């Protein structure tokens, strides 16, 4: 018996909806928050590549963009599998960190950017550790756990940039 394409797609949609219904509200909220974080961090990294002055800051920014873009891609795949709708964009004009950084360039940008990254990545690590420890869905927990070392690397890179003498 051959299944029609429409029936197959309907079945896949139903499986996704059932999966989303089985996810805890905390797991869903984590996925939505992680998506926003990835997009915000990637956006700020792009800003740093354009507005930063020092090479170490620009290199860190490039890493930030790559890692958070990869994280968002993985999260998007997981969200599709779980039937969760995650944000597809951010409103940069409503984000206080982005608004502050938008008006800075050069050395002032580098300082504000690295300070912001240290704080925001530490906060993100705490959220990811909480999900890895207390999340209900095995795959969502695995995603959170996989990203913790990446986020910790970002803190180390930002701290190294913050300690570097201004050039």
N, C-alpha and C. Protein backbone atom coordinates (compact mmCIF):
# COMPACT_ATOMS: atom_id res chain seq x y z
N UNK A 1 0.85 -1.18 0.00
CA UNK A 1 0.00 0.00 0.00
C UNK A 1 0.90 1.24 0.00
N UNK A 2 0.67 2.10 -0.95
CA UNK A 2 1.50 3.29 -1.08
C UNK A 2 0.77 4.50 -0.49
N UNK A 3 1.50 5.25 0.32
CA UNK A 3 0.93 6.41 0.98
C UNK A 3 1.06 7.63 0.07
N UNK A 4 0.00 8.39 -0.05
CA UNK A 4 0.08 9.60 -0.87
C UNK A 4 0.97 10.62 -0.18
N UNK A 5 1.52 11.52 -0.96
CA UNK A 5 2.41 12.56 -0.44
C UNK A 5 1.68 13.43 0.59
N UNK A 6 0.45 13.77 0.32
CA UNK A 6 -0.34 14.61 1.22
C UNK A 6 -0.59 13.88 2.54
N UNK A 7 -0.93 12.60 2.46
CA UNK A 7 -1.15 11.81 3.67
C UNK A 7 0.13 11.73 4.48
N UNK A 8 1.25 11.53 3.80
CA UNK A 8 2.54 11.45 4.48
C UNK A 8 2.87 12.76 5.18
N UNK A 9 2.66 13.89 4.49
CA UNK A 9 2.93 15.19 5.09
C UNK A 9 2.00 15.46 6.27
N UNK A 10 0.75 15.06 6.13
CA UNK A 10 -0.20 15.21 7.23
C UNK A 10 0.25 14.40 8.43
N UNK A 11 0.72 13.18 8.17
CA UNK A 11 1.20 12.33 9.24
C UNK A 11 2.43 12.95 9.92
N UNK A 12 3.36 13.48 9.13
CA UNK A 12 4.54 14.13 9.70
C UNK A 12 4.15 15.33 10.55
N UNK A 13 3.20 16.12 10.08
CA UNK A 13 2.73 17.27 10.83
C UNK A 13 2.10 16.82 12.14
N UNK A 14 1.30 15.78 12.10
CA UNK A 14 0.65 15.27 13.30
C UNK A 14 1.69 14.77 14.30
N UNK A 15 2.73 14.10 13.81
CA UNK A 15 3.80 13.62 14.69
C UNK A 15 4.50 14.81 15.33
N UNK A 16 4.77 15.87 14.55
CA UNK A 16 5.42 17.07 15.08
C UNK A 16 4.55 17.74 16.13
N UNK A 17 3.25 17.81 15.88
CA UNK A 17 2.33 18.43 16.85
C UNK A 17 2.28 17.58 18.12
N UNK A 18 2.21 16.28 17.96
CA UNK A 18 2.19 15.40 19.14
C UNK A 18 3.48 15.54 19.93
N UNK A 19 4.60 15.65 19.23
CA UNK A 19 5.89 15.81 19.89
C UNK A 19 5.93 17.13 20.65
N UNK A 20 5.46 18.21 20.02
CA UNK A 20 5.46 19.52 20.68
C UNK A 20 4.57 19.49 21.91
N UNK A 21 3.46 18.76 21.80
CA UNK A 21 2.56 18.67 22.94
C UNK A 21 3.21 17.91 24.09
N UNK A 22 4.14 17.00 23.77
CA UNK A 22 4.78 16.21 24.82
C UNK A 22 5.95 16.95 25.47
N UNK A 23 6.44 18.00 24.83
CA UNK A 23 7.53 18.78 25.42
C UNK A 23 6.99 19.59 26.60
N UNK A 24 7.79 19.69 27.63
CA UNK A 24 7.37 20.49 28.78
C UNK A 24 7.41 21.97 28.40
N UNK A 25 6.62 22.78 29.05
CA UNK A 25 6.67 24.23 28.79
C UNK A 25 8.07 24.80 29.03
N UNK A 26 8.80 24.25 29.99
CA UNK A 26 10.15 24.72 30.27
C UNK A 26 11.09 24.42 29.11
N UNK A 27 10.99 23.22 28.54
CA UNK A 27 11.82 22.86 27.39
C UNK A 27 11.50 23.75 26.19
N UNK A 28 10.22 23.98 25.95
CA UNK A 28 9.82 24.86 24.83
C UNK A 28 10.38 26.27 25.04
N UNK A 29 10.22 26.79 26.25
CA UNK A 29 10.69 28.14 26.54
C UNK A 29 12.20 28.23 26.40
N UNK A 30 12.91 27.19 26.82
CA UNK A 30 14.36 27.15 26.66
C UNK A 30 14.72 27.25 25.18
N UNK A 31 14.05 26.49 24.34
CA UNK A 31 14.36 26.50 22.91
C UNK A 31 14.11 27.89 22.31
N UNK A 32 13.04 28.53 22.69
CA UNK A 32 12.73 29.88 22.20
C UNK A 32 13.78 30.87 22.67
N UNK A 33 14.15 30.78 23.94
CA UNK A 33 15.16 31.66 24.51
C UNK A 33 16.52 31.42 23.86
N UNK A 34 16.89 30.17 23.66
CA UNK A 34 18.17 29.84 23.03
C UNK A 34 18.22 30.39 21.60
N UNK A 35 17.12 30.33 20.88
CA UNK A 35 17.08 30.86 19.52
C UNK A 35 17.32 32.37 19.53
N UNK A 36 16.65 33.07 20.44
CA UNK A 36 16.85 34.53 20.55
C UNK A 36 18.29 34.85 20.92
N UNK A 37 18.85 34.09 21.84
CA UNK A 37 20.23 34.30 22.25
C UNK A 37 21.18 34.09 21.07
N UNK A 38 20.99 33.01 20.34
CA UNK A 38 21.85 32.75 19.18
C UNK A 38 21.79 33.91 18.18
N UNK A 39 20.61 34.36 17.88
CA UNK A 39 20.48 35.44 16.89
C UNK A 39 21.07 36.75 17.41
N UNK A 40 20.87 37.04 18.69
CA UNK A 40 21.42 38.26 19.28
C UNK A 40 22.93 38.22 19.28
N UNK A 41 23.50 37.10 19.72
CA UNK A 41 24.96 36.99 19.78
C UNK A 41 25.58 37.05 18.39
N UNK A 42 24.95 36.40 17.42
CA UNK A 42 25.47 36.46 16.05
C UNK A 42 25.40 37.89 15.52
N UNK A 43 24.32 38.59 15.83
CA UNK A 43 24.17 39.98 15.38
C UNK A 43 25.25 40.87 16.01
N UNK A 44 25.46 40.71 17.31
CA UNK A 44 26.49 41.50 17.98
C UNK A 44 27.88 41.16 17.45
N UNK A 45 28.10 39.90 17.12
CA UNK A 45 29.37 39.51 16.52
C UNK A 45 29.60 40.18 15.17
N UNK A 46 28.54 40.27 14.38
CA UNK A 46 28.65 40.97 13.09
C UNK A 46 28.95 42.45 13.31
N UNK A 47 28.31 43.02 14.31
CA UNK A 47 28.58 44.42 14.63
C UNK A 47 30.05 44.60 14.99
N UNK A 48 30.58 43.68 15.80
CA UNK A 48 31.97 43.79 16.25
C UNK A 48 32.95 43.65 15.07
N UNK A 49 32.60 42.83 14.12
CA UNK A 49 33.46 42.69 12.95
C UNK A 49 33.52 44.01 12.16
N UNK A 50 32.44 44.76 12.19
CA UNK A 50 32.37 46.03 11.45
C UNK A 50 32.83 47.24 12.27
N UNK A 51 32.50 47.25 13.56
CA UNK A 51 32.73 48.44 14.37
C UNK A 51 33.91 48.33 15.32
N UNK A 52 34.41 47.12 15.51
CA UNK A 52 35.52 46.93 16.43
C UNK A 52 36.81 47.47 15.83
N UNK A 53 37.79 47.61 16.71
CA UNK A 53 39.07 48.17 16.27
C UNK A 53 40.16 47.10 16.26
N UNK A 54 40.22 46.33 17.35
CA UNK A 54 41.33 45.39 17.51
C UNK A 54 41.07 44.08 16.80
N UNK A 55 42.17 43.48 16.33
CA UNK A 55 42.08 42.21 15.62
C UNK A 55 41.58 41.08 16.52
N UNK A 56 42.00 41.06 17.79
CA UNK A 56 41.56 39.99 18.68
C UNK A 56 40.05 40.05 18.91
N UNK A 57 39.52 41.27 19.00
CA UNK A 57 38.08 41.43 19.17
C UNK A 57 37.35 40.99 17.89
N UNK A 58 37.87 41.36 16.75
CA UNK A 58 37.25 40.97 15.48
C UNK A 58 37.32 39.46 15.28
N UNK A 59 38.42 38.84 15.68
CA UNK A 59 38.53 37.38 15.57
C UNK A 59 37.55 36.68 16.50
N UNK A 60 37.44 37.20 17.71
CA UNK A 60 36.46 36.66 18.66
C UNK A 60 35.05 36.81 18.08
N UNK A 61 34.79 37.96 17.49
CA UNK A 61 33.47 38.23 16.91
C UNK A 61 33.16 37.23 15.79
N UNK A 62 34.15 36.92 14.99
CA UNK A 62 33.97 35.95 13.90
C UNK A 62 33.61 34.58 14.47
N UNK A 63 34.30 34.18 15.53
CA UNK A 63 34.00 32.91 16.20
C UNK A 63 32.58 32.93 16.75
N UNK A 64 32.20 34.04 17.35
CA UNK A 64 30.87 34.19 17.91
C UNK A 64 29.80 34.00 16.83
N UNK A 65 29.99 34.66 15.70
CA UNK A 65 29.03 34.55 14.60
C UNK A 65 28.93 33.11 14.13
N UNK A 66 30.06 32.47 13.90
CA UNK A 66 30.06 31.09 13.41
C UNK A 66 29.40 30.14 14.41
N UNK A 67 29.80 30.23 15.67
CA UNK A 67 29.28 29.31 16.67
C UNK A 67 27.79 29.49 16.91
N UNK A 68 27.34 30.73 17.01
CA UNK A 68 25.92 30.95 17.27
C UNK A 68 25.05 30.69 16.04
N UNK A 69 25.61 30.87 14.86
CA UNK A 69 24.89 30.50 13.65
C UNK A 69 24.75 28.98 13.58
N UNK A 70 25.82 28.26 13.87
CA UNK A 70 25.76 26.79 13.90
C UNK A 70 24.79 26.31 14.98
N UNK A 71 24.82 26.93 16.14
CA UNK A 71 23.92 26.57 17.22
C UNK A 71 22.46 26.78 16.79
N UNK A 72 22.19 27.91 16.15
CA UNK A 72 20.82 28.20 15.70
C UNK A 72 20.37 27.17 14.66
N UNK A 73 21.27 26.77 13.78
CA UNK A 73 20.94 25.76 12.77
C UNK A 73 20.57 24.44 13.44
N UNK A 74 21.38 24.03 14.41
CA UNK A 74 21.08 22.79 15.14
C UNK A 74 19.76 22.90 15.90
N UNK A 75 19.56 24.04 16.52
CA UNK A 75 18.33 24.26 17.27
C UNK A 75 17.11 24.27 16.35
N UNK A 76 17.26 24.86 15.18
CA UNK A 76 16.16 24.88 14.20
C UNK A 76 15.76 23.47 13.79
N UNK A 77 16.77 22.62 13.56
CA UNK A 77 16.49 21.23 13.19
C UNK A 77 15.79 20.50 14.34
N UNK A 78 16.26 20.71 15.55
CA UNK A 78 15.63 20.10 16.72
C UNK A 78 14.20 20.62 16.90
N UNK A 79 14.02 21.91 16.74
CA UNK A 79 12.69 22.50 16.88
C UNK A 79 11.72 21.93 15.84
N UNK A 80 12.19 21.78 14.61
CA UNK A 80 11.33 21.21 13.57
C UNK A 80 10.96 19.77 13.92
N UNK A 81 11.91 19.03 14.40
CA UNK A 81 11.67 17.63 14.79
C UNK A 81 10.68 17.56 15.95
N UNK A 82 10.81 18.49 16.89
CA UNK A 82 9.96 18.49 18.08
C UNK A 82 8.63 19.22 17.86
N UNK A 83 8.50 19.90 16.71
CA UNK A 83 7.27 20.63 16.42
C UNK A 83 7.14 21.93 17.18
N UNK A 84 8.28 22.53 17.52
CA UNK A 84 8.28 23.79 18.27
C UNK A 84 8.61 24.93 17.31
N UNK A 85 7.86 26.00 17.41
CA UNK A 85 8.10 27.19 16.59
C UNK A 85 9.05 28.12 17.35
N UNK A 86 10.24 28.32 16.76
CA UNK A 86 11.20 29.23 17.38
C UNK A 86 11.27 30.51 16.56
N UNK A 87 11.72 31.60 17.17
CA UNK A 87 11.81 32.87 16.44
C UNK A 87 12.75 32.76 15.24
N UNK A 88 12.42 33.49 14.19
CA UNK A 88 13.23 33.50 12.97
C UNK A 88 14.02 34.80 12.84
N UNK A 89 13.83 35.71 13.77
CA UNK A 89 14.54 36.98 13.73
C UNK A 89 14.40 37.70 15.07
N UNK A 90 15.18 38.75 15.22
CA UNK A 90 15.11 39.56 16.44
C UNK A 90 14.81 41.01 16.05
N UNK A 91 14.30 41.75 16.99
CA UNK A 91 14.09 43.18 16.79
C UNK A 91 15.26 43.89 17.46
N UNK A 92 16.30 44.14 16.66
CA UNK A 92 17.53 44.72 17.20
C UNK A 92 17.30 46.07 17.88
N UNK A 93 16.34 46.82 17.39
CA UNK A 93 16.10 48.15 17.97
C UNK A 93 15.52 48.07 19.38
N UNK A 94 15.02 46.91 19.78
CA UNK A 94 14.45 46.76 21.12
C UNK A 94 15.43 46.11 22.10
N UNK A 95 16.62 45.75 21.62
CA UNK A 95 17.60 45.10 22.48
C UNK A 95 18.55 46.16 23.03
N UNK A 96 18.60 46.32 24.35
CA UNK A 96 19.43 47.38 24.95
C UNK A 96 20.92 47.25 24.62
N UNK A 97 21.45 46.04 24.61
CA UNK A 97 22.88 45.86 24.31
C UNK A 97 23.19 46.26 22.88
N UNK A 98 22.35 45.83 21.96
CA UNK A 98 22.56 46.17 20.55
C UNK A 98 22.42 47.67 20.35
N UNK A 99 21.44 48.28 20.99
CA UNK A 99 21.27 49.74 20.87
C UNK A 99 22.49 50.48 21.38
N UNK A 100 23.05 50.05 22.49
CA UNK A 100 24.24 50.69 23.03
C UNK A 100 25.42 50.52 22.07
N UNK A 101 25.66 49.30 21.63
CA UNK A 101 26.79 49.03 20.75
C UNK A 101 26.67 49.72 19.40
N UNK A 102 25.45 49.95 18.95
CA UNK A 102 25.24 50.58 17.64
C UNK A 102 25.84 51.97 17.56
N UNK A 103 25.99 52.62 18.70
CA UNK A 103 26.48 54.00 18.73
C UNK A 103 27.97 54.11 19.04
N UNK A 104 28.64 52.98 19.13
CA UNK A 104 30.05 52.98 19.48
C UNK A 104 30.91 52.47 18.33
N UNK A 105 32.16 52.89 18.31
CA UNK A 105 33.13 52.39 17.34
C UNK A 105 34.49 52.30 18.03
N UNK A 106 35.40 51.63 17.35
CA UNK A 106 36.79 51.59 17.80
C UNK A 106 36.96 51.05 19.21
N UNK A 107 37.85 51.69 19.94
CA UNK A 107 38.22 51.26 21.28
C UNK A 107 37.02 51.21 22.23
N UNK A 108 36.17 52.22 22.16
CA UNK A 108 34.98 52.25 23.04
C UNK A 108 34.07 51.06 22.73
N UNK A 109 33.94 50.74 21.44
CA UNK A 109 33.14 49.57 21.07
C UNK A 109 33.77 48.31 21.63
N UNK A 110 35.07 48.13 21.41
CA UNK A 110 35.77 46.93 21.87
C UNK A 110 35.55 46.69 23.36
N UNK A 111 35.68 47.74 24.15
CA UNK A 111 35.51 47.62 25.61
C UNK A 111 34.08 47.23 25.97
N UNK A 112 33.12 47.94 25.41
CA UNK A 112 31.71 47.66 25.72
C UNK A 112 31.30 46.27 25.23
N UNK A 113 31.75 45.91 24.05
CA UNK A 113 31.41 44.62 23.46
C UNK A 113 31.95 43.47 24.32
N UNK A 114 33.23 43.52 24.69
CA UNK A 114 33.80 42.41 25.47
C UNK A 114 33.16 42.33 26.86
N UNK A 115 32.89 43.47 27.46
CA UNK A 115 32.22 43.48 28.77
C UNK A 115 30.83 42.86 28.65
N UNK A 116 30.09 43.25 27.63
CA UNK A 116 28.75 42.73 27.40
C UNK A 116 28.79 41.22 27.13
N UNK A 117 29.75 40.79 26.35
CA UNK A 117 29.84 39.37 26.01
C UNK A 117 30.16 38.52 27.23
N UNK A 118 31.04 38.98 28.08
CA UNK A 118 31.36 38.22 29.29
C UNK A 118 30.09 38.02 30.12
N UNK A 119 29.35 39.08 30.33
CA UNK A 119 28.13 39.00 31.14
C UNK A 119 27.05 38.16 30.46
N UNK A 120 26.81 38.39 29.19
CA UNK A 120 25.71 37.68 28.53
C UNK A 120 26.03 36.20 28.32
N UNK A 121 27.27 35.89 28.01
CA UNK A 121 27.62 34.47 27.83
C UNK A 121 27.57 33.73 29.17
N UNK A 122 27.98 34.36 30.25
CA UNK A 122 27.87 33.73 31.57
C UNK A 122 26.41 33.46 31.93
N UNK A 123 25.57 34.42 31.64
CA UNK A 123 24.14 34.25 31.90
C UNK A 123 23.57 33.12 31.04
N UNK A 124 24.00 33.05 29.80
CA UNK A 124 23.55 32.00 28.89
C UNK A 124 24.01 30.63 29.37
N UNK A 125 25.24 30.56 29.85
CA UNK A 125 25.76 29.29 30.38
C UNK A 125 24.87 28.80 31.53
N UNK A 126 24.49 29.69 32.41
CA UNK A 126 23.63 29.31 33.53
C UNK A 126 22.31 28.73 33.04
N UNK A 127 21.72 29.35 32.03
CA UNK A 127 20.45 28.87 31.48
C UNK A 127 20.64 27.50 30.84
N UNK A 128 21.73 27.33 30.09
CA UNK A 128 21.98 26.05 29.41
C UNK A 128 22.29 24.95 30.44
N UNK A 129 23.01 25.27 31.49
CA UNK A 129 23.30 24.28 32.53
C UNK A 129 22.02 23.86 33.25
N UNK A 130 21.14 24.82 33.48
CA UNK A 130 19.86 24.51 34.13
C UNK A 130 19.05 23.56 33.25
N UNK A 131 19.01 23.84 31.94
CA UNK A 131 18.27 22.97 31.02
C UNK A 131 18.92 21.58 30.95
N UNK A 132 20.25 21.53 30.87
CA UNK A 132 20.94 20.25 30.79
C UNK A 132 20.69 19.40 32.03
N UNK A 133 20.56 20.04 33.17
CA UNK A 133 20.35 19.31 34.42
C UNK A 133 18.88 18.98 34.69
N UNK A 134 17.98 19.87 34.30
CA UNK A 134 16.59 19.72 34.72
C UNK A 134 15.57 19.61 33.58
N UNK A 135 16.02 19.71 32.33
CA UNK A 135 15.10 19.58 31.21
C UNK A 135 14.45 18.21 31.19
N UNK A 136 13.33 18.11 30.54
CA UNK A 136 12.59 16.83 30.48
C UNK A 136 12.90 16.06 29.20
N UNK A 137 13.08 16.76 28.09
CA UNK A 137 13.31 16.11 26.81
C UNK A 137 14.78 15.76 26.64
N UNK A 138 15.05 14.51 26.32
CA UNK A 138 16.43 14.02 26.21
C UNK A 138 17.21 14.77 25.13
N UNK A 139 16.59 15.01 23.99
CA UNK A 139 17.30 15.68 22.89
C UNK A 139 17.54 17.16 23.17
N UNK A 140 16.61 17.81 23.82
CA UNK A 140 16.79 19.22 24.17
C UNK A 140 17.91 19.34 25.22
N UNK A 141 17.90 18.43 26.18
CA UNK A 141 18.97 18.41 27.19
C UNK A 141 20.32 18.16 26.54
N UNK A 142 20.37 17.25 25.58
CA UNK A 142 21.63 16.93 24.89
C UNK A 142 22.14 18.15 24.12
N UNK A 143 21.23 18.87 23.47
CA UNK A 143 21.62 20.09 22.75
C UNK A 143 22.22 21.10 23.74
N UNK A 144 21.55 21.31 24.86
CA UNK A 144 22.03 22.27 25.86
C UNK A 144 23.41 21.84 26.37
N UNK A 145 23.55 20.58 26.67
CA UNK A 145 24.82 20.06 27.20
C UNK A 145 25.95 20.21 26.17
N UNK A 146 25.64 19.98 24.92
CA UNK A 146 26.63 20.09 23.84
C UNK A 146 27.12 21.53 23.68
N UNK A 147 26.26 22.49 23.93
CA UNK A 147 26.61 23.89 23.71
C UNK A 147 27.37 24.52 24.88
N UNK A 148 27.30 23.95 26.05
CA UNK A 148 27.96 24.55 27.23
C UNK A 148 29.45 24.79 27.00
N UNK A 149 30.22 23.81 26.50
CA UNK A 149 31.65 24.09 26.28
C UNK A 149 31.91 25.20 25.26
N UNK A 150 31.05 25.32 24.27
CA UNK A 150 31.17 26.39 23.27
C UNK A 150 30.97 27.74 23.94
N UNK A 151 29.97 27.83 24.77
CA UNK A 151 29.68 29.07 25.48
C UNK A 151 30.80 29.42 26.47
N UNK A 152 31.33 28.40 27.13
CA UNK A 152 32.45 28.64 28.04
C UNK A 152 33.68 29.14 27.29
N UNK A 153 33.88 28.64 26.08
CA UNK A 153 34.99 29.11 25.24
C UNK A 153 34.78 30.59 24.91
N UNK A 154 33.55 30.99 24.68
CA UNK A 154 33.26 32.40 24.38
C UNK A 154 33.62 33.30 25.56
N UNK A 155 33.32 32.84 26.77
CA UNK A 155 33.68 33.63 27.95
C UNK A 155 35.20 33.78 28.03
N UNK A 156 35.91 32.69 27.81
CA UNK A 156 37.38 32.74 27.86
C UNK A 156 37.93 33.71 26.81
N UNK A 157 37.40 33.65 25.60
CA UNK A 157 37.87 34.55 24.53
C UNK A 157 37.55 36.00 24.87
N UNK A 158 36.35 36.24 25.38
CA UNK A 158 35.97 37.61 25.75
C UNK A 158 36.84 38.13 26.88
N UNK A 159 37.11 37.29 27.86
CA UNK A 159 37.97 37.69 28.97
C UNK A 159 39.39 38.00 28.48
N UNK A 160 39.88 37.20 27.55
CA UNK A 160 41.22 37.46 26.99
C UNK A 160 41.23 38.81 26.25
N UNK A 161 40.18 39.09 25.52
CA UNK A 161 40.08 40.39 24.82
C UNK A 161 40.01 41.52 25.82
N UNK A 162 39.28 41.34 26.91
CA UNK A 162 39.15 42.39 27.92
C UNK A 162 40.48 42.67 28.62
N UNK A 163 41.32 41.66 28.76
CA UNK A 163 42.61 41.83 29.44
C UNK A 163 43.69 42.39 28.54
N UNK A 164 43.51 42.25 27.23
CA UNK A 164 44.53 42.72 26.29
C UNK A 164 44.66 44.23 26.36
N UNK A 165 45.87 44.69 26.36
CA UNK A 165 46.10 46.14 26.38
C UNK A 165 45.56 46.74 25.10
N UNK A 166 45.02 47.93 25.25
CA UNK A 166 44.47 48.64 24.08
C UNK A 166 45.59 49.00 23.13
N UNK A 167 45.30 48.83 21.86
CA UNK A 167 46.31 49.19 20.85
C UNK A 167 45.91 50.43 20.10
